[in-house]
C-alpha cells in the first residue's frame, strides 16, 4: 500500500506533529510505503523538517505550496503536486491543513488516486473569519469535498461543522484522537532547577500555555484573566511556551498591563523538551477560538495537570467539566480567572482533576493506537475501492 501525505508546512504545531508521528508510525508497517510532501517551512514557530529530512526519500518540498492565498503560486503548486502524485502513484493521498488540503485533494483527483483522505485538524471557515473569507474558504472546502473519499477528524466537533456547511455525509467522517508519545509527560516532574532557570519562584502557582504566539490562540484573554487573578492570588505566574509573529505585540501588552514580571516568555521549545516545561506548571489554560482539539490539552493531562479551556470546537471532548478540568464560555475572562483561583487555592482539586485526566489520556491518546486506527481505516477504504474479480 503506497501512501502520500501532503501538508502546507512543517512548523512546530499540533497538526504538524500529528502528521510526522503518523508518517513515522506508518513506516513501521511492513505493507506500507509512505511519503510526505510539504511546502517550505520558515518563521519563528520553528521547524519539524530536520526530523524527516534525515530519512532518505521521505520528504519532498514544493516551494510554491505556501500558506497565504497567492493565485500564481497556487496554480503552480497544484500542477507540481499532480505531477508528483502521478510519479509516485499512491493508493492513498492523505492531506492536512487548509491550503495543502484543498490543492492536495484536487491534485490527487487529477492524478487518478483511488482514495483521497482529508484530515481536519481545525476548520478553515467559521465565526473567526470575515464574510468574504468565509465565502471563499467555504467554497474551496466544498469543491475539495466533492473529490474526498473520507475525512479524519481530530475531534467530533469538526464533523458537525463540515456537515452543517454541506460538506460530506455522516458516514464519511471518522474521529481519531491525535496521539503522541505519552512517556515524557507521564514522567514529567516539577523541576526546581527549571523553575529557577525561568525565574519562577518555588511557591508560584504556574499557569501554563503551550501554543504558537499567533492569532486566535487566546493569549490576550489569558493576560486579562491573570490580571484579574493577581489581586486574589499574588503568587500566580503565567508561563508561555512557544513563539510566533505576535510575540512583540504580546510583550508590549504585558508591559502596558504591568504584567512583565508575572509572565515568562519561554520562547520556542523543541517538541522533545515540551514535557519538561509542562512539568513545572500547576495547570494549563487554553483559550483558543479556533482549533479542532489542541494537542496541549492532552499533553498537560498526561502530566496530571488540570486544564481550563474555552468551550470551543472539540475542547469539551477532553476538557471534561469537573473531571479533567473546567470549560468556560468563550470570552468569559472573569470565569477563567475564577476557575484559576479555585485551582490555585485547592491542591487536592488539582490532584483529582489531573489524575483523572491522566487516565483519560492513557486510554485515548497513545500514539500507536492512533497509527493503528489510521492504518485500519486505510485498509477498509482501499478494500472498498478494489473491484471484485
Protein backbone atom coordinates (compact mmCIF):
# COMPACT_ATOMS: atom_id res chain seq x y z
CA UNK A 1 0.00 0.00 0.00
CA UNK A 2 1.53 3.31 -1.16
CA UNK A 3 0.52 6.40 0.85
CA UNK A 4 1.46 10.05 0.32
CA UNK A 5 0.77 12.70 2.96
CA UNK A 6 0.53 16.35 1.91
CA UNK A 7 0.79 19.29 4.34
CA UNK A 8 1.27 23.03 3.86
CA UNK A 9 4.30 23.40 6.14
CA UNK A 10 6.13 21.56 8.91
CA UNK A 11 6.27 24.20 11.62
CA UNK A 12 6.22 23.22 15.30
CA UNK A 13 2.49 22.78 15.86
CA UNK A 14 -0.13 20.19 16.72
CA UNK A 15 -1.27 19.34 13.18
CA UNK A 16 2.31 19.06 12.00
CA UNK A 17 3.42 16.90 14.94
CA UNK A 18 0.40 14.67 14.30
CA UNK A 19 1.36 14.32 10.65
CA UNK A 20 5.00 13.49 11.37
CA UNK A 21 4.02 10.96 14.06
CA UNK A 22 1.59 9.32 11.63
CA UNK A 23 4.12 9.14 8.82
CA UNK A 24 6.85 7.72 11.05
CA UNK A 25 4.43 5.24 12.60
CA UNK A 26 3.20 4.02 9.22
CA UNK A 27 6.81 3.40 8.17
CA UNK A 28 6.83 0.59 10.73
CA UNK A 29 4.04 -1.25 8.89
CA UNK A 30 5.53 -3.89 6.62
CA UNK A 31 3.00 -3.41 3.84
CA UNK A 32 3.05 0.42 3.74
CA UNK A 33 5.29 2.67 1.67
CA UNK A 34 4.81 6.24 2.86
CA UNK A 35 5.98 9.61 1.51
CA UNK A 36 5.48 13.18 2.65
CA UNK A 37 5.06 16.36 0.59
CA UNK A 38 5.24 19.77 2.23
CA UNK A 39 5.56 23.41 1.36
CA UNK A 40 8.56 25.38 2.67
CA UNK A 41 8.88 25.91 6.42
CA UNK A 42 10.08 29.27 7.70
CA UNK A 43 9.35 31.68 10.52
CA UNK A 44 9.67 31.97 14.29
CA UNK A 45 7.41 28.97 15.02
CA UNK A 46 10.28 26.53 14.41
CA UNK A 47 10.52 23.56 12.04
CA UNK A 48 9.97 19.81 12.17
CA UNK A 49 11.75 19.31 8.83
CA UNK A 50 15.08 18.10 10.29
CA UNK A 51 13.44 15.03 11.81
CA UNK A 52 12.09 13.84 8.45
CA UNK A 53 14.82 15.14 6.14
CA UNK A 54 17.26 12.65 7.60
CA UNK A 55 15.16 9.78 6.23
CA UNK A 56 16.17 9.28 2.57
CA UNK A 57 13.36 9.70 0.04
CA UNK A 58 10.68 10.55 2.60
CA UNK A 59 10.20 14.32 2.21
CA UNK A 60 9.62 16.38 -0.93
CA UNK A 61 9.31 20.17 -0.59
CA UNK A 62 7.21 22.11 -3.11
CA UNK A 63 8.38 25.77 -2.87
CA UNK A 64 5.14 27.17 -4.28
CA UNK A 65 2.95 25.46 -1.67
CA UNK A 66 2.65 28.43 0.70
CA UNK A 67 0.09 29.25 3.39
CA UNK A 68 -1.22 32.63 2.08
CA UNK A 69 -3.53 32.72 -0.94
CA UNK A 70 -1.27 33.60 -3.89
CA UNK A 71 -3.05 32.68 -7.15
CA UNK A 72 0.02 32.28 -9.35
CA UNK A 73 1.90 30.15 -6.83
CA UNK A 74 -1.27 28.17 -6.07
CA UNK A 75 -1.70 27.19 -9.72
CA UNK A 76 1.95 26.17 -9.99
CA UNK A 77 1.70 24.21 -6.72
CA UNK A 78 -1.40 22.38 -7.99
CA UNK A 79 0.42 21.37 -11.18
CA UNK A 80 3.54 20.27 -9.32
CA UNK A 81 1.53 18.25 -6.83
CA UNK A 82 -0.35 16.47 -9.61
CA UNK A 83 2.94 15.68 -11.39
CA UNK A 84 4.50 14.34 -8.19
CA UNK A 85 1.49 12.19 -7.40
CA UNK A 86 1.40 10.73 -10.92
CA UNK A 87 5.06 9.78 -10.48
CA UNK A 88 4.57 8.31 -7.00
CA UNK A 89 1.34 6.53 -7.98
CA UNK A 90 -0.04 6.25 -4.43
CA UNK A 91 -3.05 4.17 -3.48
CA UNK A 92 -3.96 6.84 -0.90
CA UNK A 93 -3.36 10.57 -0.60
CA UNK A 94 -3.84 11.88 2.93
CA UNK A 95 -3.92 15.69 3.18
CA UNK A 96 -3.57 18.04 6.15
CA UNK A 97 -4.18 21.79 6.75
CA UNK A 98 -6.12 24.30 4.67
CA UNK A 99 -4.04 25.09 1.58
CA UNK A 100 -2.50 21.62 1.16
CA UNK A 101 -5.88 20.11 1.97
CA UNK A 102 -7.55 21.79 -0.99
CA UNK A 103 -4.72 21.72 -3.53
CA UNK A 104 -3.58 18.25 -2.47
CA UNK A 105 -7.01 16.72 -2.93
CA UNK A 106 -7.59 18.39 -6.30
CA UNK A 107 -4.13 17.28 -7.46
CA UNK A 108 -4.83 13.73 -6.26
CA UNK A 109 -8.02 13.68 -8.30
CA UNK A 110 -6.12 14.88 -11.37
CA UNK A 111 -3.53 12.16 -10.80
CA UNK A 112 -6.21 9.47 -10.57
CA UNK A 113 -5.51 8.49 -6.94
CA UNK A 114 -8.16 5.95 -5.85
CA UNK A 115 -8.54 7.02 -2.18
CA UNK A 116 -8.34 10.66 -1.08
CA UNK A 117 -8.45 11.42 2.66
CA UNK A 118 -8.50 14.83 4.30
CA UNK A 119 -7.52 15.22 7.96
CA UNK A 120 -9.37 18.09 9.65
CA UNK A 121 -7.13 19.49 12.39
CA UNK A 122 -9.19 22.68 12.55
CA UNK A 123 -11.81 24.41 10.40
CA UNK A 124 -10.72 26.85 7.69
CA UNK A 125 -14.03 28.71 7.90
CA UNK A 126 -16.20 29.89 10.78
CA UNK A 127 -17.01 32.88 13.00
CA UNK A 128 -13.31 33.72 13.35
CA UNK A 129 -13.24 34.74 9.65
CA UNK A 130 -14.84 37.69 7.89
CA UNK A 131 -17.77 37.17 5.48
CA UNK A 132 -15.64 37.27 2.31
CA UNK A 133 -13.02 34.90 3.74
CA UNK A 134 -15.76 32.52 4.85
CA UNK A 135 -17.34 32.63 1.41
CA UNK A 136 -14.01 31.86 -0.27
CA UNK A 137 -12.74 29.18 2.11
CA UNK A 138 -16.16 27.56 2.42
CA UNK A 139 -16.42 27.30 -1.37
CA UNK A 140 -12.90 25.86 -1.60
CA UNK A 141 -13.69 23.22 1.04
CA UNK A 142 -16.94 22.26 -0.70
CA UNK A 143 -15.10 21.91 -4.02
CA UNK A 144 -12.40 19.72 -2.49
CA UNK A 145 -15.05 17.83 -0.52
CA UNK A 146 -16.56 16.55 -3.78
CA UNK A 147 -13.37 14.60 -4.56
CA UNK A 148 -12.77 13.39 -0.99
CA UNK A 149 -13.25 9.72 -0.16
CA UNK A 150 -13.14 10.14 3.61
CA UNK A 151 -12.43 12.66 6.39
CA UNK A 152 -10.46 12.04 9.57
CA UNK A 153 -11.29 14.43 12.42
CA UNK A 154 -9.17 15.15 15.47
CA UNK A 155 -12.44 15.96 17.25
CA UNK A 156 -16.07 15.06 16.62
CA UNK A 157 -16.90 18.77 16.53
CA UNK A 158 -15.22 19.01 13.11
CA UNK A 159 -17.66 16.59 11.50
CA UNK A 160 -20.60 18.66 12.82
CA UNK A 161 -19.10 21.87 11.41
CA UNK A 162 -18.41 20.37 7.97
CA UNK A 163 -21.75 18.60 7.70
CA UNK A 164 -23.56 21.81 8.65
CA UNK A 165 -21.68 23.53 5.81
CA UNK A 166 -22.90 20.92 3.33
CA UNK A 167 -19.58 19.11 3.07
CA UNK A 168 -19.62 15.32 3.04
CA UNK A 169 -22.04 12.81 4.55
CA UNK A 170 -22.05 11.42 8.11
CA UNK A 171 -20.57 8.07 7.11
CA UNK A 172 -17.57 9.86 5.55
CA UNK A 173 -16.19 11.07 8.92
CA UNK A 174 -14.09 9.18 11.45
CA UNK A 175 -12.77 10.67 14.67
CA UNK A 176 -9.25 9.61 15.58
CA UNK A 177 -7.67 11.41 18.52
CA UNK A 178 -4.23 12.91 17.85
CA UNK A 179 -1.91 10.54 19.68
CA UNK A 180 1.58 11.33 20.92
CA UNK A 181 4.40 9.76 22.94
CA UNK A 182 2.98 9.79 26.47
CA UNK A 183 6.11 8.66 28.31
CA UNK A 184 7.88 12.06 28.67
CA UNK A 185 4.68 13.65 30.01
CA UNK A 186 3.85 10.80 32.36
CA UNK A 187 7.34 11.18 33.82
CA UNK A 188 7.42 15.00 33.85
CA UNK A 189 8.33 16.35 37.27
CA UNK A 190 8.23 19.78 38.88
CA UNK A 191 11.90 20.62 38.34
CA UNK A 192 13.15 23.22 40.79
CA UNK A 193 16.14 23.83 38.54
CA UNK A 194 13.94 24.64 35.54
CA UNK A 195 11.71 26.89 37.66
CA UNK A 196 14.79 28.75 38.81
CA UNK A 197 16.10 28.99 35.25
CA UNK A 198 12.77 30.50 34.15
CA UNK A 199 12.67 32.90 37.10
CA UNK A 200 9.65 31.22 38.67
CA UNK A 201 9.52 31.32 42.49
CA UNK A 202 9.39 27.95 44.22
CA UNK A 203 5.94 28.73 45.67
CA UNK A 204 4.50 30.24 42.47
CA UNK A 205 1.18 28.97 41.13
CA UNK A 206 2.22 28.47 37.49
CA UNK A 207 -0.45 28.75 34.80
CA UNK A 208 0.91 27.32 31.59
CA UNK A 209 0.04 27.81 27.93
CA UNK A 210 1.64 25.85 25.10
CA UNK A 211 0.84 27.43 21.75
CA UNK A 212 2.24 29.43 18.89
CA UNK A 213 2.11 33.18 19.52
CA UNK A 214 -0.44 33.62 16.77
CA UNK A 215 -3.92 34.95 16.14
CA UNK A 216 -6.92 33.17 17.69
CA UNK A 217 -4.85 31.36 20.32
CA UNK A 218 -6.33 33.45 23.14
CA UNK A 219 -3.18 34.94 24.66
CA UNK A 220 -4.69 38.38 25.28
CA UNK A 221 -7.75 36.92 27.02
CA UNK A 222 -5.39 34.91 29.21
CA UNK A 223 -3.44 38.07 30.06
CA UNK A 224 -6.71 39.70 31.12
CA UNK A 225 -7.66 36.69 33.27
CA UNK A 226 -4.27 36.68 35.01
CA UNK A 227 -4.61 40.44 35.61
CA UNK A 228 -7.91 39.77 37.41
CA UNK A 229 -6.47 36.83 39.32
CA UNK A 230 -3.35 38.52 40.73
CA UNK A 231 -5.04 40.66 43.45
CA UNK A 232 -6.53 37.46 44.91
CA UNK A 233 -3.50 35.26 44.19
CA UNK A 234 -0.28 37.32 44.08
CA UNK A 235 1.84 34.18 43.64
CA UNK A 236 0.29 33.44 40.23
CA UNK A 237 2.65 33.40 37.25
CA UNK A 238 1.98 32.75 33.55
CA UNK A 239 4.39 30.57 31.55
CA UNK A 240 4.09 30.85 27.77
CA UNK A 241 5.75 28.07 25.77
CA UNK A 242 6.00 28.83 22.06
CA UNK A 243 6.97 31.59 19.69
CA UNK A 244 5.43 33.34 16.73
CA UNK A 245 4.82 36.64 14.96
CA UNK A 246 2.70 38.07 17.80
CA UNK A 247 5.50 37.98 20.36
CA UNK A 248 6.48 41.68 20.10
CA UNK A 249 2.85 42.76 20.43
CA UNK A 250 2.23 40.46 23.39
CA UNK A 251 5.37 41.65 25.15
CA UNK A 252 4.21 45.25 24.73
CA UNK A 253 0.79 44.24 26.05
CA UNK A 254 2.35 42.63 29.12
CA UNK A 255 4.31 45.80 29.88
CA UNK A 256 1.25 48.02 29.37
CA UNK A 257 -0.71 45.89 31.86
CA UNK A 258 2.18 45.90 34.33
CA UNK A 259 2.48 42.13 33.99
CA UNK A 260 6.07 41.99 32.76
CA UNK A 261 7.30 40.35 35.99
CA UNK A 262 4.35 37.96 36.10
CA UNK A 263 4.65 36.49 32.60
CA UNK A 264 7.52 34.33 31.36
CA UNK A 265 8.02 34.07 27.60
CA UNK A 266 9.92 30.78 27.33
CA UNK A 267 10.09 31.09 23.54
CA UNK A 268 10.40 28.26 21.07
CA UNK A 269 10.93 24.94 22.83
CA UNK A 270 11.86 21.81 20.83
CA UNK A 271 8.98 19.28 20.92
CA UNK A 272 11.13 16.80 22.85
CA UNK A 273 11.56 19.40 25.61
CA UNK A 274 7.91 20.45 25.98
CA UNK A 275 7.19 17.83 28.65
CA UNK A 276 9.85 19.34 30.98
CA UNK A 277 8.10 22.71 30.78
CA UNK A 278 4.66 21.20 31.33
CA UNK A 279 6.10 19.51 34.42
CA UNK A 280 6.68 22.85 36.19
CA UNK A 281 3.11 24.03 35.52
CA UNK A 282 0.33 23.69 38.09
CA UNK A 283 -2.40 23.85 35.44
CA UNK A 284 -2.79 24.68 31.77
CA UNK A 285 -5.09 27.32 30.31
CA UNK A 286 -6.08 27.25 26.65
CA UNK A 287 -8.40 29.99 25.45
CA UNK A 288 -8.24 29.42 21.71
CA UNK A 289 -11.16 30.33 19.48
CA UNK A 290 -10.31 28.05 16.56
CA UNK A 291 -8.89 24.55 16.85
CA UNK A 292 -10.26 21.05 16.48
CA UNK A 293 -8.64 19.85 19.69
CA UNK A 294 -5.44 21.43 20.95
CA UNK A 295 -2.59 18.96 21.42
CA UNK A 296 -1.57 20.93 24.52
CA UNK A 297 -4.68 19.77 26.41
CA UNK A 298 -3.95 16.01 26.41
CA UNK A 299 -0.24 16.69 26.90
CA UNK A 300 -0.98 18.63 30.09
CA UNK A 301 -3.39 15.95 31.30
CA UNK A 302 -0.79 13.24 30.64
CA UNK A 303 1.42 15.13 33.10
CA UNK A 304 -1.54 15.18 35.57
CA UNK A 305 -2.08 18.93 35.15
CA UNK A 306 -5.73 20.05 35.14
CA UNK A 307 -6.87 22.25 32.28
CA UNK A 308 -9.04 25.32 31.89
CA UNK A 309 -10.32 25.88 28.36
CA UNK A 310 -12.77 27.93 26.41
CA UNK A 311 -15.72 25.88 25.20
CA UNK A 312 -14.58 26.00 21.56
CA UNK A 313 -14.79 23.33 18.85
CA UNK A 314 -13.70 19.99 20.36
CA UNK A 315 -12.37 21.19 23.73
CA UNK A 316 -15.27 19.53 25.55
CA UNK A 317 -14.18 16.16 24.20
CA UNK A 318 -11.17 16.16 26.51
CA UNK A 319 -11.71 19.01 28.98
CA UNK A 320 -14.48 17.19 30.84
CA UNK A 321 -16.24 19.56 33.24
CA UNK A 322 -15.09 18.98 36.82
CA UNK A 323 -13.47 15.69 35.77
CA UNK A 324 -10.29 16.69 33.92
CA UNK A 325 -10.68 20.47 34.24
CA UNK A 326 -13.10 23.30 33.64
CA UNK A 327 -14.81 24.58 30.49
CA UNK A 328 -15.57 28.29 30.37
CA UNK A 329 -17.82 30.08 27.90
CA UNK A 330 -15.67 31.68 25.19
CA UNK A 331 -14.90 35.29 26.05
CA UNK A 332 -15.73 34.95 29.76
CA UNK A 333 -12.42 36.23 31.15
CA UNK A 334 -13.90 36.58 34.63
CA UNK A 335 -14.96 32.94 34.56
CA UNK A 336 -11.43 31.89 33.62
CA UNK A 337 -9.97 33.96 36.48
CA UNK A 338 -12.39 32.35 38.94
CA UNK A 339 -11.55 28.79 37.85
CA UNK A 340 -7.83 29.54 38.02
CA UNK A 341 -8.31 30.91 41.54
CA UNK A 342 -10.13 27.74 42.60
CA UNK A 343 -7.26 25.62 41.29
CA UNK A 344 -4.67 27.84 42.95
CA UNK A 345 -6.37 27.54 46.33
CA UNK A 346 -7.11 23.80 46.27
CA UNK A 347 -4.21 21.40 45.76
CA UNK A 348 -6.50 18.40 46.29
CA UNK A 349 -8.76 19.59 43.48
CA UNK A 350 -5.76 19.96 41.16
CA UNK A 351 -4.61 16.44 42.01
CA UNK A 352 -8.06 14.88 41.49
CA UNK A 353 -8.61 16.53 38.10
CA UNK A 354 -5.05 15.85 36.97
CA UNK A 355 -5.10 12.15 37.82
CA UNK A 356 -8.50 11.69 36.15
CA UNK A 357 -7.15 13.46 33.06
CA UNK A 358 -4.04 11.31 33.01
CA UNK A 359 -6.13 8.13 32.99
CA UNK A 360 -8.33 9.51 30.18
CA UNK A 361 -5.28 10.29 28.05
CA UNK A 362 -3.78 6.86 28.70
CA UNK A 363 -6.93 5.32 27.27
CA UNK A 364 -7.31 7.51 24.18
CA UNK A 365 -4.08 9.25 23.13
CA UNK A 366 -1.42 6.56 22.78
CA UNK A 367 0.39 7.30 19.51
CA UNK A 368 0.46 3.64 18.46
CA UNK A 369 -3.32 3.47 18.88
CA UNK A 370 -3.71 6.47 16.56
CA UNK A 371 -1.42 4.98 13.91
CA UNK A 372 -3.21 1.61 14.06
CA UNK A 373 -6.62 3.29 13.69
CA UNK A 374 -5.44 5.22 10.63
CA UNK A 375 -3.86 2.09 9.15
CA UNK A 376 -7.05 0.03 9.57
CA UNK A 377 -9.08 2.85 8.02
CA UNK A 378 -6.69 2.81 5.05
CA UNK A 379 -7.25 -0.93 4.66
CA UNK A 380 -11.03 -0.53 4.75
CA UNK A 381 -11.07 2.29 2.22
CA UNK A 382 -8.70 0.62 -0.23
CA UNK A 383 -10.64 -2.65 0.02
CA UNK A 384 -13.85 -0.79 -0.79
CA UNK A 385 -12.19 0.72 -3.88
CA UNK A 386 -10.76 -2.59 -5.14
CA UNK A 387 -13.02 -4.10 -7.82
CA UNK A 388 -14.17 -7.66 -7.20
CA UNK A 389 -12.83 -10.34 -9.59
